[in-house]
Amino acid sequence: MSFDTLTHRTGTGSTKWDMMQPAFGISPDAGLPMWVADKDFEAPDFLQKAVRGLLDRADYGYFCDTDSFHDAIAWWQETRHGWQIDSDWLFTTHGLGNAISLTIQCFTDPGDHVAILTPVYHEFAAKIGRTERVVTELPLAVCDGVYALDFDAVEARMTGKEKMLLISSPHNPAGRVWTPAELQQMAAFCDRHDLLLVSDEVHGDLVFEGHRFVPTHMAVPGIAPRLIAMSAASKTFSVAGARTGYMVIPDPDLRARFARFFRGFDISPNLLGVTLTRAAYSPEGAAWVDQLMPYLQANRDLFCAGVDEIPGLRAMPMQSTYLAWVDFTATGMDRAEIHARLQDSAGIAATPGHTLGTGGESFMRFNLGTQRARVEEALARLSRAFADLQ
């Protein structure tokens, strides 16, 4: 397939396209949606074939073939990341958001605090709040232009009420790939403060040349009694609409505790999600990702270089994901003016950085998981919108 083939999703019920006007006041006919972390590429043939197989069977009833689904997950994690997991470690959820919410509710009580490394994916704080827990923000440091851990600096922010550290690995929004040494630092921090470590690893397949994603359990095997990892095919293969994610809990005691809680919700895998994930986590899916990543890397290189040429704008170096994190501090503008220029002048819907917590106030997040022509158009619009600074 050609990643350059333009797709047109206006009027299809696509959140990214059809919610742009209600959320930003930007018409989908003229605007560029660069907010929701969903790619604009056509679904690859192997996913289409899998869905056609469902249609051909004409049977959407109860099903029992979850073993092959678990086998596909185990195969993917081992072949792509070197992580050997047992199918007994797996729980299937209605997407990663559901997995995060269930984990918070199982292992903490209302009023407990959950720590997050900010800025970070805005739904972390949202889900903590919806479950009546309290967010403890631990701001990341910036070292050599990228985010880094400085736990000495955030110790004072700990209240003693924290029960959990929720991390994004690789990091959303900045695409930082945490090294094994950094993951070991996080594990040691959790040991010091008696925290459960919850690792959202949904972007782990989308790592650029020169970097390597290491699952948290591989980096710190000894953290297993404190670790819950989770992932999905959703970000890699753009199948978030199937609402299927999975949790990996290696420790038997932790797993038994969650299983008792989980059983009460009567959650079962859905047929479409299982079918799409099984098709994605395959040799055909691996080959497709190997074609996708050079394209995304070229989008990254083009966009970040172009942004850095605009006075006042600076893109943080991306090590993974298709989400660019751009700092507008040097423009000297307040948030309202930056948003007005992006939305009214450029017609670009980007994620406001302040919604991702402390440290994100001067940033905007741009989704580069789109056709090259749209990335080029975005750069042209940004250049015009901030032309007076040149």
Protein backbone atom coordinates (compact mmCIF):
# COMPACT_ATOMS: atom_id res chain seq x y z
CA MET A 1 0.00 0.00 0.00
CA SER A 2 0.99 3.64 -0.42
CA PHE A 3 0.96 5.73 2.72
CA ASP A 4 0.68 8.80 0.49
CA THR A 5 -2.85 7.91 -0.65
CA LEU A 6 -5.15 10.56 0.76
CA THR A 7 -8.10 9.36 2.82
CA HIS A 8 -11.27 11.41 3.29
CA ARG A 9 -13.05 10.65 6.55
CA THR A 10 -15.31 13.68 6.96
CA GLY A 11 -18.86 12.54 7.60
CA THR A 12 -17.86 8.99 8.51
CA GLY A 13 -18.17 9.38 12.28
CA SER A 14 -14.40 9.69 12.70
CA THR A 15 -13.69 11.44 16.00
CA LYS A 16 -10.53 12.99 14.62
CA TRP A 17 -12.30 14.58 11.64
CA ASP A 18 -15.96 15.01 12.60
CA MET A 19 -15.34 16.32 16.12
CA MET A 20 -12.83 18.93 14.97
CA GLN A 21 -15.48 21.60 14.46
CA PRO A 22 -17.26 21.09 17.80
CA ALA A 23 -13.94 20.93 19.68
CA PHE A 24 -11.95 23.63 17.86
CA GLY A 25 -14.37 25.54 15.67
CA ILE A 26 -12.46 24.40 12.58
CA SER A 27 -14.37 23.11 9.58
CA PRO A 28 -13.26 19.61 8.53
CA ASP A 29 -13.57 20.73 4.91
CA ALA A 30 -10.68 23.18 5.28
CA GLY A 31 -8.96 22.23 8.52
CA LEU A 32 -6.13 19.86 9.38
CA PRO A 33 -6.93 17.54 12.32
CA MET A 34 -3.67 16.91 14.15
CA TRP A 35 -5.08 16.25 17.61
CA VAL A 36 -6.55 12.76 18.23
CA ALA A 37 -3.81 10.09 18.16
CA ASP A 38 -5.27 8.18 15.23
CA LYS A 39 -3.57 7.76 11.87
CA ASP A 40 -5.11 8.68 8.51
CA PHE A 41 -3.86 5.71 6.47
CA GLU A 42 -6.12 3.13 4.88
CA ALA A 43 -6.48 -0.12 6.77
CA PRO A 44 -3.95 -2.65 5.37
CA ASP A 45 -5.11 -5.63 3.32
CA PHE A 46 -4.51 -8.21 6.05
CA LEU A 47 -6.94 -6.40 8.36
CA GLN A 48 -9.51 -6.07 5.60
CA LYS A 49 -9.17 -9.76 4.80
CA ALA A 50 -9.75 -10.67 8.44
CA VAL A 51 -12.93 -8.59 8.60
CA ARG A 52 -14.17 -10.04 5.31
CA GLY A 53 -13.68 -13.48 6.88
CA LEU A 54 -16.13 -12.47 9.59
CA LEU A 55 -18.62 -11.34 6.97
CA ASP A 56 -18.24 -14.53 4.97
CA ARG A 57 -18.90 -16.70 8.02
CA ALA A 58 -22.03 -14.66 8.79
CA ASP A 59 -21.84 -15.63 12.45
CA TYR A 60 -21.53 -12.95 15.10
CA GLY A 61 -22.58 -15.03 18.08
CA TYR A 62 -20.73 -16.21 21.16
CA PHE A 63 -17.24 -17.48 20.41
CA CYS A 64 -14.61 -19.45 22.28
CA ASP A 65 -11.37 -19.17 20.30
CA THR A 66 -9.38 -16.93 22.63
CA ASP A 67 -6.33 -19.20 22.74
CA SER A 68 -5.21 -18.11 19.28
CA PHE A 69 -5.74 -14.48 20.35
CA HIS A 70 -3.48 -14.95 23.37
CA ASP A 71 -0.97 -16.81 21.22
CA ALA A 72 -0.86 -13.87 18.80
CA ILE A 73 -0.17 -11.43 21.64
CA ALA A 74 2.60 -13.66 23.02
CA TRP A 75 4.11 -14.11 19.54
CA TRP A 76 4.11 -10.37 18.91
CA GLN A 77 5.71 -9.44 22.21
CA GLU A 78 8.42 -12.06 21.82
CA THR A 79 9.26 -11.48 18.15
CA ARG A 80 9.03 -7.67 18.24
CA HIS A 81 10.36 -6.96 21.74
CA GLY A 82 11.98 -10.12 23.05
CA TRP A 83 9.47 -10.41 25.88
CA GLN A 84 8.33 -13.93 26.68
CA ILE A 85 4.93 -13.84 28.33
CA ASP A 86 2.58 -16.59 29.45
CA SER A 87 -1.03 -16.53 28.27
CA ASP A 88 -2.09 -16.92 31.92
CA TRP A 89 -0.73 -13.41 32.54
CA LEU A 90 -3.24 -11.80 30.16
CA PHE A 91 -6.52 -9.99 30.75
CA THR A 92 -8.50 -8.55 27.84
CA THR A 93 -10.14 -5.16 28.36
CA HIS A 94 -12.28 -2.75 26.37
CA GLY A 95 -9.26 -0.73 25.29
CA LEU A 96 -6.40 0.80 27.25
CA GLY A 97 -8.55 3.45 28.88
CA ASN A 98 -10.67 0.71 30.40
CA ALA A 99 -7.53 -1.11 31.55
CA ILE A 100 -6.20 2.00 33.31
CA SER A 101 -9.52 2.71 35.01
CA LEU A 102 -9.94 -0.90 36.17
CA THR A 103 -6.40 -0.95 37.55
CA ILE A 104 -6.93 2.26 39.50
CA GLN A 105 -10.20 1.00 40.94
CA CYS A 106 -8.81 -2.42 41.87
CA PHE A 107 -5.62 -1.34 43.60
CA THR A 108 -6.53 2.01 45.16
CA ASP A 109 -9.40 3.51 47.13
CA PRO A 110 -11.28 6.78 46.61
CA GLY A 111 -9.14 9.59 48.00
CA ASP A 112 -5.85 7.78 47.35
CA HIS A 113 -3.28 9.55 45.20
CA VAL A 114 -1.92 8.33 41.85
CA ALA A 115 1.38 9.81 40.67
CA ILE A 116 2.03 10.68 37.02
CA LEU A 117 5.12 12.08 35.26
CA THR A 118 3.96 15.28 33.60
CA PRO A 119 3.39 16.41 30.98
CA VAL A 120 1.68 13.18 29.98
CA TYR A 121 -1.33 11.87 28.05
CA HIS A 122 -4.28 13.89 29.35
CA GLU A 123 -6.51 10.86 29.94
CA PHE A 124 -4.27 9.71 32.80
CA ALA A 125 -5.37 12.62 34.99
CA ALA A 126 -8.92 12.42 33.67
CA LYS A 127 -9.29 8.76 34.62
CA ILE A 128 -7.75 9.34 38.04
CA GLY A 129 -10.32 12.08 38.64
CA ARG A 130 -13.27 10.08 37.31
CA THR A 131 -12.49 7.27 39.74
CA GLU A 132 -12.43 9.76 42.63
CA ARG A 133 -8.69 9.48 43.20
CA VAL A 134 -6.27 12.40 43.39
CA VAL A 135 -3.48 13.25 40.94
CA THR A 136 0.05 13.83 42.19
CA GLU A 137 2.02 15.51 39.42
CA LEU A 138 5.74 14.75 39.20
CA PRO A 139 7.11 17.12 36.54
CA LEU A 140 9.77 15.75 34.22
CA ALA A 141 13.06 17.58 33.85
CA VAL A 142 14.51 18.65 30.49
CA CYS A 143 18.07 17.50 29.81
CA ASP A 144 19.82 18.07 26.47
CA GLY A 145 16.49 19.05 24.95
CA VAL A 146 14.54 15.93 25.95
CA TYR A 147 12.64 14.81 29.01
CA ALA A 148 14.56 13.10 31.77
CA LEU A 149 13.88 11.75 35.24
CA ASP A 150 14.87 13.74 38.30
CA PHE A 151 13.29 11.93 41.23
CA ASP A 152 15.36 13.91 43.73
CA ALA A 153 13.57 17.04 42.52
CA VAL A 154 10.08 15.56 42.86
CA GLU A 155 10.44 13.82 46.21
CA ALA A 156 8.99 16.91 47.89
CA ARG A 157 5.82 16.56 45.82
CA MET A 158 5.02 13.17 47.28
CA THR A 159 2.28 13.37 49.90
CA GLY A 160 2.52 9.88 51.37
CA LYS A 161 -0.98 9.13 50.08
CA GLU A 162 0.25 7.77 46.72
CA LYS A 163 -0.50 4.12 45.95
CA MET A 164 0.50 3.98 42.31
CA LEU A 165 2.81 5.44 39.66
CA LEU A 166 1.20 5.50 36.21
CA ILE A 167 3.68 5.90 33.34
CA SER A 168 3.59 6.15 29.55
CA SER A 169 6.37 4.05 28.00
CA PRO A 170 7.28 5.22 25.39
CA HIS A 171 6.23 8.65 26.53
CA ASN A 172 3.20 10.42 25.11
CA PRO A 173 3.36 13.34 24.21
CA ALA A 174 7.10 13.72 23.60
CA GLY A 175 8.01 10.29 22.20
CA ARG A 176 10.73 9.71 24.77
CA VAL A 177 11.88 6.07 24.86
CA TRP A 178 12.80 5.26 28.45
CA THR A 179 16.03 3.31 28.72
CA PRO A 180 16.36 0.20 30.91
CA ALA A 181 18.36 2.30 33.39
CA GLU A 182 15.56 4.87 33.60
CA LEU A 183 12.94 2.16 34.06
CA GLN A 184 15.09 0.78 36.86
CA GLN A 185 15.07 4.25 38.44
CA MET A 186 11.27 4.27 38.27
CA ALA A 187 11.15 0.82 39.86
CA ALA A 188 13.46 1.92 42.67
CA PHE A 189 11.26 4.97 43.25
CA CYS A 190 8.23 2.68 43.51
CA ASP A 191 10.09 0.49 46.01
CA ARG A 192 10.97 3.52 48.15
CA HIS A 193 7.40 4.73 48.23
CA ASP A 194 5.61 1.37 48.17
CA LEU A 195 3.88 2.10 44.85
CA LEU A 196 2.35 -0.12 42.21
CA LEU A 197 3.98 0.61 38.83
CA VAL A 198 1.46 0.73 35.97
CA SER A 199 3.09 0.93 32.53
CA ASP A 200 1.04 1.93 29.47
CA GLU A 201 3.16 0.53 26.61
CA VAL A 202 0.75 1.08 23.71
CA HIS A 203 3.31 3.07 21.66
CA GLY A 204 6.05 0.44 22.05
CA ASP A 205 5.88 -0.70 18.41
CA LEU A 206 6.43 2.82 17.04
CA VAL A 207 10.10 3.47 17.77
CA PHE A 208 12.49 5.19 15.38
CA GLU A 209 15.89 4.06 14.17
CA GLY A 210 18.59 4.36 16.81
CA HIS A 211 16.24 3.66 19.72
CA ARG A 212 14.78 0.49 21.23
CA PHE A 213 11.69 0.01 23.32
CA VAL A 214 12.25 -2.37 26.24
CA PRO A 215 9.14 -3.62 28.09
CA THR A 216 9.27 -2.64 31.75
CA HIS A 217 9.17 -6.26 32.91
CA MET A 218 12.25 -7.05 30.80
CA ALA A 219 14.13 -4.02 32.06
CA VAL A 220 13.32 -4.72 35.71
CA PRO A 221 12.26 -8.36 36.23
CA GLY A 222 12.37 -7.88 39.98
CA ILE A 223 9.56 -5.32 39.84
CA ALA A 224 7.02 -8.01 38.88
CA PRO A 225 5.30 -8.00 42.32
CA ARG A 226 4.59 -4.29 41.74
CA LEU A 227 4.03 -4.26 37.96
CA ILE A 228 1.03 -4.12 35.69
CA ALA A 229 1.81 -3.57 32.00
CA MET A 230 -0.76 -2.92 29.30
CA SER A 231 -0.88 -2.52 25.55
CA ALA A 232 -3.05 -2.90 22.45
CA ALA A 233 -2.84 -3.02 18.68
CA SER A 234 -4.78 0.25 18.57
CA LYS A 235 -2.05 2.86 18.08
CA THR A 236 0.14 0.72 15.81
CA PHE A 237 -2.63 -0.43 13.47
CA SER A 238 -5.30 2.26 14.02
CA VAL A 239 -7.93 -0.16 15.32
CA ALA A 240 -8.96 1.81 18.41
CA GLY A 241 -12.60 1.56 17.32
CA ALA A 242 -12.52 -2.16 18.16
CA ARG A 243 -12.01 -1.23 21.83
CA THR A 244 -9.69 -4.11 22.62
CA GLY A 245 -6.64 -3.89 24.86
CA TYR A 246 -4.82 -6.27 27.14
CA MET A 247 -3.12 -6.24 30.51
CA VAL A 248 -0.07 -8.32 31.41
CA ILE A 249 0.35 -9.21 35.10
CA PRO A 250 3.36 -11.52 35.61
CA ASP A 251 3.15 -11.82 39.40
CA PRO A 252 0.74 -14.58 40.58
CA ASP A 253 -0.39 -12.80 43.75
CA LEU A 254 -1.02 -9.51 41.98
CA ARG A 255 -2.75 -11.41 39.18
CA ALA A 256 -5.02 -13.30 41.58
CA ARG A 257 -6.04 -10.08 43.29
CA PHE A 258 -6.91 -8.44 39.99
CA ALA A 259 -8.71 -11.56 38.73
CA ARG A 260 -11.09 -11.47 41.71
CA PHE A 261 -11.90 -7.83 41.00
CA PHE A 262 -12.09 -8.26 37.23
CA ARG A 263 -14.50 -11.19 37.47
CA GLY A 264 -17.18 -8.95 38.91
CA PHE A 265 -17.38 -6.86 35.73
CA ASP A 266 -18.13 -9.84 33.46
CA ILE A 267 -15.82 -8.45 30.75
CA SER A 268 -15.21 -10.67 27.75
CA PRO A 269 -13.25 -10.08 24.54
CA ASN A 270 -15.33 -8.86 21.60
CA LEU A 271 -15.26 -10.73 18.30
CA LEU A 272 -14.16 -7.83 16.09
CA GLY A 273 -11.38 -6.76 18.44
CA VAL A 274 -10.03 -10.28 18.74
CA THR A 275 -10.16 -10.76 14.97
CA LEU A 276 -8.36 -7.48 14.20
CA THR A 277 -5.70 -7.94 16.89
CA ARG A 278 -4.98 -11.50 15.81
CA ALA A 279 -4.60 -10.35 12.18
CA ALA A 280 -2.40 -7.42 13.22
CA TYR A 281 -0.11 -9.47 15.44
CA SER A 282 1.12 -11.62 12.57
CA PRO A 283 4.02 -11.81 10.10
CA GLU A 284 1.97 -9.65 7.71
CA GLY A 285 1.45 -7.10 10.46
CA ALA A 286 5.15 -7.09 11.31
CA ALA A 287 6.08 -6.48 7.67
CA TRP A 288 3.58 -3.63 7.47
CA VAL A 289 5.00 -1.95 10.58
CA ASP A 290 8.48 -2.27 9.08
CA GLN A 291 7.19 -0.28 6.08
CA LEU A 292 5.27 2.20 8.21
CA MET A 293 8.13 3.31 10.44
CA PRO A 294 10.42 4.75 7.74
CA TYR A 295 7.44 6.74 6.46
CA LEU A 296 6.64 8.10 9.91
CA GLN A 297 10.33 8.84 10.47
CA ALA A 298 10.43 10.88 7.25
CA ASN A 299 7.32 12.77 8.41
CA ARG A 300 9.07 13.41 11.73
CA ASP A 301 12.26 14.64 10.06
CA LEU A 302 10.35 16.94 7.71
CA PHE A 303 8.05 18.40 10.34
CA CYS A 304 10.59 18.90 13.13
CA ALA A 305 13.14 20.50 10.78
CA GLY A 306 10.47 22.77 9.34
CA VAL A 307 9.16 23.80 12.76
CA ASP A 308 12.67 24.60 13.98
CA GLU A 309 13.03 27.05 11.09
CA ILE A 310 10.08 29.11 12.34
CA PRO A 311 11.31 31.71 14.87
CA GLY A 312 9.91 31.07 18.32
CA LEU A 313 8.99 27.42 17.68
CA ARG A 314 11.00 24.41 18.77
CA ALA A 315 10.17 20.73 18.30
CA MET A 316 11.40 18.37 21.00
CA PRO A 317 13.39 15.52 19.37
CA MET A 318 11.11 12.53 18.76
CA GLN A 319 12.41 9.05 19.54
CA SER A 320 9.09 7.27 18.98
CA THR A 321 5.35 7.66 18.28
CA TYR A 322 3.85 9.89 15.58
CA LEU A 323 3.15 12.75 17.99
CA ALA A 324 5.32 15.87 17.75
CA TRP A 325 5.70 18.05 20.86
CA VAL A 326 6.33 21.68 19.93
CA ASP A 327 7.38 24.42 22.34
CA PHE A 328 6.04 27.94 21.66
CA THR A 329 7.73 29.63 24.65
CA ALA A 330 10.09 31.76 22.57
CA THR A 331 7.22 33.37 20.67
CA GLY A 332 6.49 35.37 23.82
CA MET A 333 2.78 34.80 23.21
CA ASP A 334 0.23 33.73 25.76
CA ARG A 335 -1.81 30.56 25.32
CA ALA A 336 -4.84 32.36 23.89
CA GLU A 337 -2.86 33.99 21.10
CA ILE A 338 -1.06 30.76 20.18
CA HIS A 339 -4.37 28.91 20.00
CA ALA A 340 -5.94 31.69 17.94
CA ARG A 341 -3.13 31.61 15.41
CA LEU A 342 -3.27 27.85 15.10
CA GLN A 343 -7.04 27.55 14.93
CA ASP A 344 -8.16 30.77 13.25
CA SER A 345 -5.17 31.57 11.04
CA ALA A 346 -3.71 28.13 10.27
CA GLY A 347 -6.84 26.01 10.57
CA ILE A 348 -4.89 23.36 12.50
CA ALA A 349 -6.41 21.40 15.37
CA ALA A 350 -3.56 20.41 17.71
CA THR A 351 -3.71 19.18 21.29
CA PRO A 352 -3.15 22.04 23.79
CA GLY A 353 -0.19 21.22 26.00
CA HIS A 354 -1.67 22.61 29.21
CA THR A 355 -4.22 19.78 29.18
CA LEU A 356 -1.33 17.32 29.65
CA GLY A 357 -0.30 18.72 33.01
CA THR A 358 2.52 20.70 34.57
CA GLY A 359 5.30 21.40 32.11
CA GLY A 360 3.06 21.37 29.05
CA GLU A 361 1.74 24.92 29.30
CA SER A 362 3.75 26.36 26.41
CA PHE A 363 3.51 23.30 24.15
CA MET A 364 1.18 21.92 21.49
CA ARG A 365 1.01 18.29 20.32
CA PHE A 366 0.78 17.57 16.59
CA ASN A 367 -0.23 14.21 15.09
CA LEU A 368 2.07 13.29 12.19
CA GLY A 369 0.36 9.98 11.45
CA THR A 370 -0.94 11.29 8.16
CA GLN A 371 0.00 11.64 4.52
CA ARG A 372 3.16 13.54 3.64
CA ALA A 373 1.17 16.12 1.70
CA ARG A 374 -0.76 17.03 4.83
CA VAL A 375 2.43 17.36 6.88
CA GLU A 376 3.81 19.70 4.21
CA GLU A 377 0.57 21.69 4.26
CA ALA A 378 0.71 21.95 8.04
CA LEU A 379 4.22 23.40 7.87
CA ALA A 380 3.17 25.92 5.23
CA ARG A 381 0.24 27.01 7.39
CA LEU A 382 2.39 27.32 10.51
CA SER A 383 4.93 29.42 8.62
CA ARG A 384 2.21 31.80 7.44
CA ALA A 385 0.53 31.98 10.86
CA PHE A 386 3.77 33.04 12.54
CA ALA A 387 5.29 34.94 9.61
CA ASP A 388 5.48 38.19 11.56
CA LEU A 389 8.12 36.64 13.83
CA GLN A 390 10.52 36.05 10.96
